[in-house]
Amino acid sequence: MEHDYRNIYRDARVTAGLTQERWAELLGISPDAVRQYETDKITPSDAVALRMAEATGQQIICYWHLLHKSRAAAQLLPSVERGSLPQAVLDLIVLTEDFQQDGMKTLARLAADGKISADERRAYDEVLEQLRGLIAAALRVQFAEEE
């Protein structure tokens, strides 16, 4: 799923309520490096992204950083937006119940013989999509905004 582009590194700084200069000082990098991150000229190292997450208290920055820097991760991992903890939990419960009612039985039936036939492919892909939604919901709980 594509989202409107936003610079996650700028968002981290703005969330922290800091100027580029103060942010650079806090992260142990130059203000020029901050500007380059925020204009997509360079991508911060994993260590800098981790310091951003620690400075803001938002683990999700590391997740977004991984998606931003790795095409493989962006293809395999779901896009996750932050939201409220109560809403994230409710979404996870609903999706889990839906998967228990439909997806688990279908998956067990399709996988019982150890292969997915051409006739089963569409149903299998639908179950995988349901699982991806469940994974994204679980990540939204992990990264939810606490009050």
N, C-alpha and C. Protein backbone atom coordinates (compact mmCIF):
# COMPACT_ATOMS: atom_id res chain seq x y z
N MET A 1 0.85 -1.17 0.00
CA MET A 1 0.00 0.00 0.00
C MET A 1 0.90 1.24 0.00
N GLU A 2 0.65 2.16 -0.91
CA GLU A 2 1.43 3.39 -1.00
C GLU A 2 0.80 4.46 -0.11
N HIS A 3 1.65 5.20 0.53
CA HIS A 3 1.18 6.31 1.37
C HIS A 3 1.77 7.59 0.80
N ASP A 4 1.14 8.72 1.14
CA ASP A 4 1.71 10.00 0.76
C ASP A 4 3.11 10.08 1.35
N TYR A 5 4.06 10.55 0.55
CA TYR A 5 5.44 10.60 1.00
C TYR A 5 5.61 11.66 2.09
N ARG A 6 6.38 11.30 3.08
CA ARG A 6 6.80 12.25 4.09
C ARG A 6 8.19 11.83 4.52
N ASN A 7 8.98 12.75 4.93
CA ASN A 7 10.33 12.45 5.35
C ASN A 7 10.31 12.02 6.81
N ILE A 8 10.59 10.74 7.05
CA ILE A 8 10.51 10.20 8.40
C ILE A 8 11.54 10.80 9.34
N TYR A 9 12.67 11.22 8.79
CA TYR A 9 13.74 11.78 9.62
C TYR A 9 13.38 13.20 10.07
N ARG A 10 12.73 13.95 9.20
CA ARG A 10 12.23 15.27 9.58
C ARG A 10 11.11 15.12 10.60
N ASP A 11 10.22 14.15 10.36
CA ASP A 11 9.12 13.90 11.30
C ASP A 11 9.65 13.58 12.69
N ALA A 12 10.73 12.80 12.75
CA ALA A 12 11.31 12.44 14.06
C ALA A 12 11.77 13.69 14.79
N ARG A 13 12.46 14.58 14.06
CA ARG A 13 12.96 15.82 14.68
C ARG A 13 11.81 16.72 15.12
N VAL A 14 10.82 16.88 14.24
CA VAL A 14 9.68 17.74 14.56
C VAL A 14 8.92 17.18 15.76
N THR A 15 8.75 15.86 15.81
CA THR A 15 8.09 15.23 16.95
C THR A 15 8.83 15.53 18.24
N ALA A 16 10.16 15.54 18.15
CA ALA A 16 10.97 15.84 19.33
C ALA A 16 10.93 17.33 19.68
N GLY A 17 10.41 18.16 18.76
CA GLY A 17 10.31 19.60 19.01
C GLY A 17 11.65 20.30 19.00
N LEU A 18 12.54 19.86 18.12
CA LEU A 18 13.90 20.39 18.12
C LEU A 18 14.27 21.06 16.80
N THR A 19 15.18 22.01 16.89
CA THR A 19 15.76 22.61 15.68
C THR A 19 16.73 21.59 15.07
N GLN A 20 17.09 21.83 13.83
CA GLN A 20 18.07 20.94 13.19
C GLN A 20 19.39 20.95 13.96
N GLU A 21 19.78 22.10 14.46
CA GLU A 21 21.05 22.21 15.18
C GLU A 21 21.02 21.43 16.49
N ARG A 22 19.95 21.58 17.25
CA ARG A 22 19.84 20.87 18.53
C ARG A 22 19.71 19.36 18.30
N TRP A 23 18.97 18.99 17.26
CA TRP A 23 18.78 17.58 16.90
C TRP A 23 20.15 16.95 16.55
N ALA A 24 20.93 17.67 15.76
CA ALA A 24 22.25 17.19 15.38
C ALA A 24 23.12 16.97 16.61
N GLU A 25 23.08 17.93 17.51
CA GLU A 25 23.87 17.84 18.74
C GLU A 25 23.44 16.62 19.56
N LEU A 26 22.14 16.43 19.70
CA LEU A 26 21.61 15.31 20.46
C LEU A 26 21.99 13.96 19.84
N LEU A 27 22.02 13.91 18.51
CA LEU A 27 22.33 12.66 17.82
C LEU A 27 23.83 12.43 17.61
N GLY A 28 24.62 13.47 17.88
CA GLY A 28 26.06 13.34 17.69
C GLY A 28 26.48 13.38 16.23
N ILE A 29 25.76 14.19 15.44
CA ILE A 29 26.06 14.34 14.01
C ILE A 29 26.09 15.82 13.68
N SER A 30 26.46 16.15 12.46
CA SER A 30 26.52 17.55 12.06
C SER A 30 25.13 18.05 11.63
N PRO A 31 24.89 19.36 11.76
CA PRO A 31 23.64 19.93 11.25
C PRO A 31 23.50 19.69 9.74
N ASP A 32 24.62 19.68 9.03
CA ASP A 32 24.57 19.41 7.59
C ASP A 32 24.03 18.00 7.32
N ALA A 33 24.43 17.02 8.15
CA ALA A 33 23.93 15.65 7.98
C ALA A 33 22.42 15.62 8.19
N VAL A 34 21.93 16.35 9.20
CA VAL A 34 20.48 16.43 9.44
C VAL A 34 19.79 16.97 8.20
N ARG A 35 20.31 18.05 7.64
CA ARG A 35 19.70 18.65 6.44
C ARG A 35 19.70 17.65 5.28
N GLN A 36 20.77 16.90 5.14
CA GLN A 36 20.84 15.92 4.05
C GLN A 36 19.86 14.77 4.26
N TYR A 37 19.65 14.35 5.51
CA TYR A 37 18.64 13.32 5.79
C TYR A 37 17.26 13.84 5.43
N GLU A 38 17.01 15.10 5.80
CA GLU A 38 15.67 15.67 5.64
C GLU A 38 15.36 16.07 4.20
N THR A 39 16.37 16.08 3.34
CA THR A 39 16.14 16.36 1.92
C THR A 39 16.42 15.13 1.06
N ASP A 40 16.53 13.98 1.70
CA ASP A 40 16.74 12.70 1.03
C ASP A 40 18.02 12.63 0.21
N LYS A 41 19.01 13.43 0.57
CA LYS A 41 20.29 13.35 -0.13
C LYS A 41 21.10 12.16 0.36
N ILE A 42 20.99 11.85 1.66
CA ILE A 42 21.62 10.66 2.22
C ILE A 42 20.66 10.02 3.22
N THR A 43 20.92 8.77 3.50
CA THR A 43 20.13 8.02 4.47
C THR A 43 20.98 7.82 5.71
N PRO A 44 20.42 8.08 6.88
CA PRO A 44 21.21 7.90 8.10
C PRO A 44 21.59 6.43 8.30
N SER A 45 22.64 6.22 9.05
CA SER A 45 23.04 4.87 9.41
C SER A 45 22.00 4.28 10.36
N ASP A 46 22.05 2.98 10.53
CA ASP A 46 21.15 2.33 11.48
C ASP A 46 21.37 2.88 12.89
N ALA A 47 22.63 3.15 13.23
CA ALA A 47 22.94 3.66 14.57
C ALA A 47 22.29 5.03 14.80
N VAL A 48 22.31 5.88 13.79
CA VAL A 48 21.68 7.20 13.93
C VAL A 48 20.17 7.05 14.02
N ALA A 49 19.59 6.17 13.20
CA ALA A 49 18.14 5.95 13.28
C ALA A 49 17.75 5.43 14.66
N LEU A 50 18.56 4.57 15.22
CA LEU A 50 18.30 4.06 16.56
C LEU A 50 18.36 5.19 17.60
N ARG A 51 19.33 6.09 17.45
CA ARG A 51 19.40 7.23 18.38
C ARG A 51 18.18 8.14 18.22
N MET A 52 17.69 8.29 16.98
CA MET A 52 16.46 9.07 16.76
C MET A 52 15.29 8.44 17.52
N ALA A 53 15.17 7.13 17.41
CA ALA A 53 14.08 6.42 18.10
C ALA A 53 14.20 6.57 19.61
N GLU A 54 15.41 6.44 20.10
CA GLU A 54 15.63 6.58 21.55
C GLU A 54 15.34 8.00 22.02
N ALA A 55 15.75 8.99 21.22
CA ALA A 55 15.55 10.39 21.61
C ALA A 55 14.07 10.78 21.63
N THR A 56 13.28 10.18 20.75
CA THR A 56 11.86 10.52 20.67
C THR A 56 10.97 9.54 21.43
N GLY A 57 11.54 8.39 21.81
CA GLY A 57 10.73 7.36 22.46
C GLY A 57 9.82 6.64 21.49
N GLN A 58 10.13 6.70 20.20
CA GLN A 58 9.28 6.09 19.18
C GLN A 58 10.05 5.00 18.43
N GLN A 59 9.84 3.75 18.82
CA GLN A 59 10.50 2.63 18.14
C GLN A 59 10.14 2.56 16.67
N ILE A 60 8.99 3.05 16.32
CA ILE A 60 8.52 2.94 14.94
C ILE A 60 9.48 3.63 13.96
N ILE A 61 10.26 4.59 14.45
CA ILE A 61 11.23 5.24 13.57
C ILE A 61 12.20 4.22 13.00
N CYS A 62 12.62 3.26 13.81
CA CYS A 62 13.53 2.20 13.33
C CYS A 62 12.84 1.34 12.27
N TYR A 63 11.57 1.05 12.47
CA TYR A 63 10.82 0.25 11.50
C TYR A 63 10.69 1.01 10.18
N TRP A 64 10.30 2.27 10.26
CA TRP A 64 10.19 3.09 9.05
C TRP A 64 11.54 3.22 8.35
N HIS A 65 12.60 3.37 9.14
CA HIS A 65 13.96 3.47 8.58
C HIS A 65 14.29 2.20 7.80
N LEU A 66 13.98 1.05 8.35
CA LEU A 66 14.23 -0.22 7.67
C LEU A 66 13.47 -0.27 6.34
N LEU A 67 12.22 0.11 6.35
CA LEU A 67 11.42 0.11 5.12
C LEU A 67 11.98 1.10 4.10
N HIS A 68 12.46 2.25 4.59
CA HIS A 68 12.99 3.29 3.72
C HIS A 68 14.30 2.88 3.06
N LYS A 69 15.16 2.21 3.81
CA LYS A 69 16.49 1.93 3.28
C LYS A 69 16.60 0.59 2.56
N SER A 70 15.66 -0.32 2.77
CA SER A 70 15.76 -1.64 2.18
C SER A 70 14.57 -1.93 1.27
N ARG A 71 14.82 -2.08 -0.01
CA ARG A 71 13.74 -2.41 -0.94
C ARG A 71 13.15 -3.78 -0.61
N ALA A 72 14.02 -4.70 -0.17
CA ALA A 72 13.54 -6.03 0.20
C ALA A 72 12.57 -5.93 1.38
N ALA A 73 12.94 -5.17 2.40
CA ALA A 73 12.07 -5.00 3.56
C ALA A 73 10.76 -4.33 3.15
N ALA A 74 10.85 -3.33 2.29
CA ALA A 74 9.65 -2.62 1.85
C ALA A 74 8.71 -3.54 1.08
N GLN A 75 9.25 -4.54 0.39
CA GLN A 75 8.41 -5.49 -0.35
C GLN A 75 7.79 -6.53 0.57
N LEU A 76 8.52 -6.92 1.63
CA LEU A 76 8.07 -8.02 2.47
C LEU A 76 7.27 -7.59 3.69
N LEU A 77 7.61 -6.45 4.25
CA LEU A 77 6.98 -6.02 5.50
C LEU A 77 5.83 -5.06 5.23
N PRO A 78 4.79 -5.13 6.05
CA PRO A 78 3.65 -4.24 5.84
C PRO A 78 3.98 -2.80 6.25
N SER A 79 3.31 -1.88 5.60
CA SER A 79 3.39 -0.48 5.99
C SER A 79 2.60 -0.33 7.29
N VAL A 80 3.16 0.42 8.24
CA VAL A 80 2.52 0.58 9.54
C VAL A 80 2.51 2.05 9.91
N GLU A 81 1.34 2.54 10.25
CA GLU A 81 1.20 3.91 10.74
C GLU A 81 0.91 3.86 12.23
N ARG A 82 1.32 4.89 12.93
CA ARG A 82 1.03 4.96 14.36
C ARG A 82 -0.42 5.38 14.57
N GLY A 83 -0.98 4.90 15.65
CA GLY A 83 -2.32 5.27 16.04
C GLY A 83 -2.47 5.07 17.53
N SER A 84 -3.68 5.23 18.01
CA SER A 84 -3.90 5.09 19.44
C SER A 84 -3.85 3.61 19.85
N LEU A 85 -3.43 3.37 21.07
CA LEU A 85 -3.35 2.01 21.59
C LEU A 85 -4.72 1.33 21.61
N PRO A 86 -5.77 1.99 22.12
CA PRO A 86 -7.08 1.30 22.13
C PRO A 86 -7.55 0.89 20.73
N GLN A 87 -7.38 1.77 19.74
CA GLN A 87 -7.82 1.44 18.39
C GLN A 87 -6.98 0.32 17.81
N ALA A 88 -5.68 0.34 18.06
CA ALA A 88 -4.80 -0.72 17.55
C ALA A 88 -5.18 -2.07 18.14
N VAL A 89 -5.49 -2.10 19.43
CA VAL A 89 -5.87 -3.36 20.08
C VAL A 89 -7.19 -3.87 19.52
N LEU A 90 -8.16 -2.97 19.37
CA LEU A 90 -9.46 -3.39 18.81
C LEU A 90 -9.31 -3.93 17.40
N ASP A 91 -8.51 -3.26 16.57
CA ASP A 91 -8.27 -3.75 15.20
C ASP A 91 -7.65 -5.13 15.22
N LEU A 92 -6.68 -5.35 16.09
CA LEU A 92 -6.03 -6.66 16.19
C LEU A 92 -7.02 -7.73 16.61
N ILE A 93 -7.87 -7.42 17.57
CA ILE A 93 -8.87 -8.40 18.04
C ILE A 93 -9.82 -8.78 16.91
N VAL A 94 -10.33 -7.79 16.20
CA VAL A 94 -11.27 -8.06 15.10
C VAL A 94 -10.61 -8.90 14.01
N LEU A 95 -9.40 -8.52 13.61
CA LEU A 95 -8.71 -9.27 12.56
C LEU A 95 -8.35 -10.68 13.01
N THR A 96 -8.00 -10.84 14.27
CA THR A 96 -7.69 -12.17 14.80
C THR A 96 -8.94 -13.05 14.79
N GLU A 97 -10.05 -12.50 15.22
CA GLU A 97 -11.31 -13.27 15.21
C GLU A 97 -11.70 -13.66 13.79
N ASP A 98 -11.56 -12.73 12.84
CA ASP A 98 -11.88 -13.04 11.44
C ASP A 98 -10.98 -14.16 10.93
N PHE A 99 -9.70 -14.10 11.26
CA PHE A 99 -8.77 -15.13 10.80
C PHE A 99 -9.09 -16.48 11.44
N GLN A 100 -9.46 -16.47 12.72
CA GLN A 100 -9.81 -17.73 13.39
C GLN A 100 -11.05 -18.36 12.77
N GLN A 101 -12.02 -17.53 12.38
CA GLN A 101 -13.25 -18.06 11.82
C GLN A 101 -13.08 -18.59 10.40
N ASP A 102 -12.32 -17.90 9.58
CA ASP A 102 -12.23 -18.27 8.17
C ASP A 102 -10.83 -18.70 7.74
N GLY A 103 -9.87 -17.87 8.04
CA GLY A 103 -8.53 -18.07 7.50
C GLY A 103 -7.85 -19.33 7.97
N MET A 104 -7.97 -19.67 9.26
CA MET A 104 -7.27 -20.84 9.78
C MET A 104 -7.76 -22.13 9.13
N LYS A 105 -9.06 -22.26 8.99
CA LYS A 105 -9.62 -23.47 8.36
C LYS A 105 -9.19 -23.57 6.90
N THR A 106 -9.26 -22.45 6.21
CA THR A 106 -8.87 -22.44 4.80
C THR A 106 -7.39 -22.77 4.65
N LEU A 107 -6.57 -22.15 5.47
CA LEU A 107 -5.13 -22.40 5.41
C LEU A 107 -4.81 -23.86 5.70
N ALA A 108 -5.44 -24.43 6.72
CA ALA A 108 -5.21 -25.83 7.06
C ALA A 108 -5.60 -26.75 5.90
N ARG A 109 -6.74 -26.47 5.29
CA ARG A 109 -7.21 -27.28 4.17
C ARG A 109 -6.26 -27.18 2.98
N LEU A 110 -5.83 -25.96 2.67
CA LEU A 110 -4.96 -25.75 1.51
C LEU A 110 -3.57 -26.33 1.70
N ALA A 111 -3.06 -26.27 2.92
CA ALA A 111 -1.68 -26.68 3.16
C ALA A 111 -1.55 -28.14 3.58
N ALA A 112 -2.65 -28.83 3.77
CA ALA A 112 -2.62 -30.19 4.31
C ALA A 112 -1.76 -31.14 3.48
N ASP A 113 -1.75 -30.99 2.18
CA ASP A 113 -0.96 -31.90 1.33
C ASP A 113 0.44 -31.38 1.04
N GLY A 114 0.80 -30.23 1.62
CA GLY A 114 2.15 -29.70 1.46
C GLY A 114 2.40 -28.92 0.19
N LYS A 115 1.38 -28.72 -0.62
CA LYS A 115 1.56 -27.94 -1.85
C LYS A 115 0.28 -27.17 -2.15
N ILE A 116 0.47 -26.10 -2.91
CA ILE A 116 -0.67 -25.27 -3.31
C ILE A 116 -0.84 -25.45 -4.81
N SER A 117 -1.96 -26.02 -5.19
CA SER A 117 -2.22 -26.27 -6.62
C SER A 117 -2.66 -24.97 -7.29
N ALA A 118 -2.69 -25.00 -8.60
CA ALA A 118 -3.14 -23.83 -9.37
C ALA A 118 -4.58 -23.47 -8.99
N ASP A 119 -5.40 -24.48 -8.75
CA ASP A 119 -6.79 -24.25 -8.37
C ASP A 119 -6.91 -23.62 -6.97
N GLU A 120 -5.90 -23.86 -6.12
CA GLU A 120 -5.93 -23.35 -4.76
C GLU A 120 -5.24 -22.00 -4.60
N ARG A 121 -4.50 -21.58 -5.61
CA ARG A 121 -3.65 -20.40 -5.50
C ARG A 121 -4.41 -19.15 -5.08
N ARG A 122 -5.55 -18.88 -5.67
CA ARG A 122 -6.29 -17.65 -5.34
C ARG A 122 -6.72 -17.65 -3.87
N ALA A 123 -7.25 -18.76 -3.40
CA ALA A 123 -7.68 -18.84 -1.99
C ALA A 123 -6.47 -18.71 -1.06
N TYR A 124 -5.35 -19.31 -1.43
CA TYR A 124 -4.13 -19.22 -0.63
C TYR A 124 -3.64 -17.78 -0.56
N ASP A 125 -3.62 -17.10 -1.70
CA ASP A 125 -3.20 -15.69 -1.72
C ASP A 125 -4.10 -14.82 -0.86
N GLU A 126 -5.39 -15.12 -0.84
CA GLU A 126 -6.33 -14.36 0.00
C GLU A 126 -6.03 -14.59 1.48
N VAL A 127 -5.68 -15.82 1.85
CA VAL A 127 -5.32 -16.10 3.24
C VAL A 127 -4.03 -15.39 3.60
N LEU A 128 -3.05 -15.38 2.69
CA LEU A 128 -1.81 -14.67 2.95
C LEU A 128 -2.05 -13.18 3.14
N GLU A 129 -2.94 -12.62 2.35
CA GLU A 129 -3.28 -11.20 2.51
C GLU A 129 -3.92 -10.95 3.87
N GLN A 130 -4.75 -11.86 4.30
CA GLN A 130 -5.37 -11.75 5.62
C GLN A 130 -4.29 -11.81 6.71
N LEU A 131 -3.32 -12.69 6.54
CA LEU A 131 -2.21 -12.79 7.49
C LEU A 131 -1.37 -11.53 7.51
N ARG A 132 -1.12 -10.94 6.34
CA ARG A 132 -0.37 -9.68 6.29
C ARG A 132 -1.11 -8.59 7.07
N GLY A 133 -2.42 -8.55 6.94
CA GLY A 133 -3.20 -7.58 7.71
C GLY A 133 -3.10 -7.82 9.20
N LEU A 134 -3.05 -9.08 9.60
CA LEU A 134 -2.91 -9.44 11.00
C LEU A 134 -1.54 -9.03 11.53
N ILE A 135 -0.51 -9.25 10.72
CA ILE A 135 0.84 -8.84 11.11
C ILE A 135 0.91 -7.32 11.27
N ALA A 136 0.35 -6.60 10.32
CA ALA A 136 0.35 -5.13 10.40
C ALA A 136 -0.40 -4.66 11.64
N ALA A 137 -1.51 -5.32 11.96
CA ALA A 137 -2.28 -4.95 13.16
C ALA A 137 -1.47 -5.18 14.43
N ALA A 138 -0.74 -6.29 14.47
CA ALA A 138 0.10 -6.58 15.64
C ALA A 138 1.20 -5.52 15.78
N LEU A 139 1.78 -5.11 14.66
CA LEU A 139 2.81 -4.07 14.70
C LEU A 139 2.23 -2.72 15.13
N ARG A 140 0.98 -2.44 14.73
CA ARG A 140 0.35 -1.19 15.17
C ARG A 140 0.18 -1.18 16.69
N VAL A 141 -0.08 -2.35 17.28
CA VAL A 141 -0.17 -2.43 18.75
C VAL A 141 1.21 -2.15 19.34
N GLN A 142 2.24 -2.77 18.78
CA GLN A 142 3.59 -2.58 19.31
C GLN A 142 4.01 -1.12 19.27
N PHE A 143 3.65 -0.42 18.19
CA PHE A 143 4.10 0.96 18.00
C PHE A 143 3.05 2.00 18.37
N ALA A 144 1.97 1.58 19.01
CA ALA A 144 0.87 2.48 19.31
C ALA A 144 1.30 3.62 20.25
N GLU A 145 0.59 4.73 20.10
CA GLU A 145 0.81 5.88 20.96
C GLU A 145 0.09 5.65 22.27
N GLU A 146 0.84 5.67 23.34
CA GLU A 146 0.25 5.52 24.66
C GLU A 146 -0.13 6.88 25.19
N GLU A 147 -1.16 6.91 26.01
CA GLU A 147 -1.59 8.19 26.58
C GLU A 147 -0.79 8.52 27.81
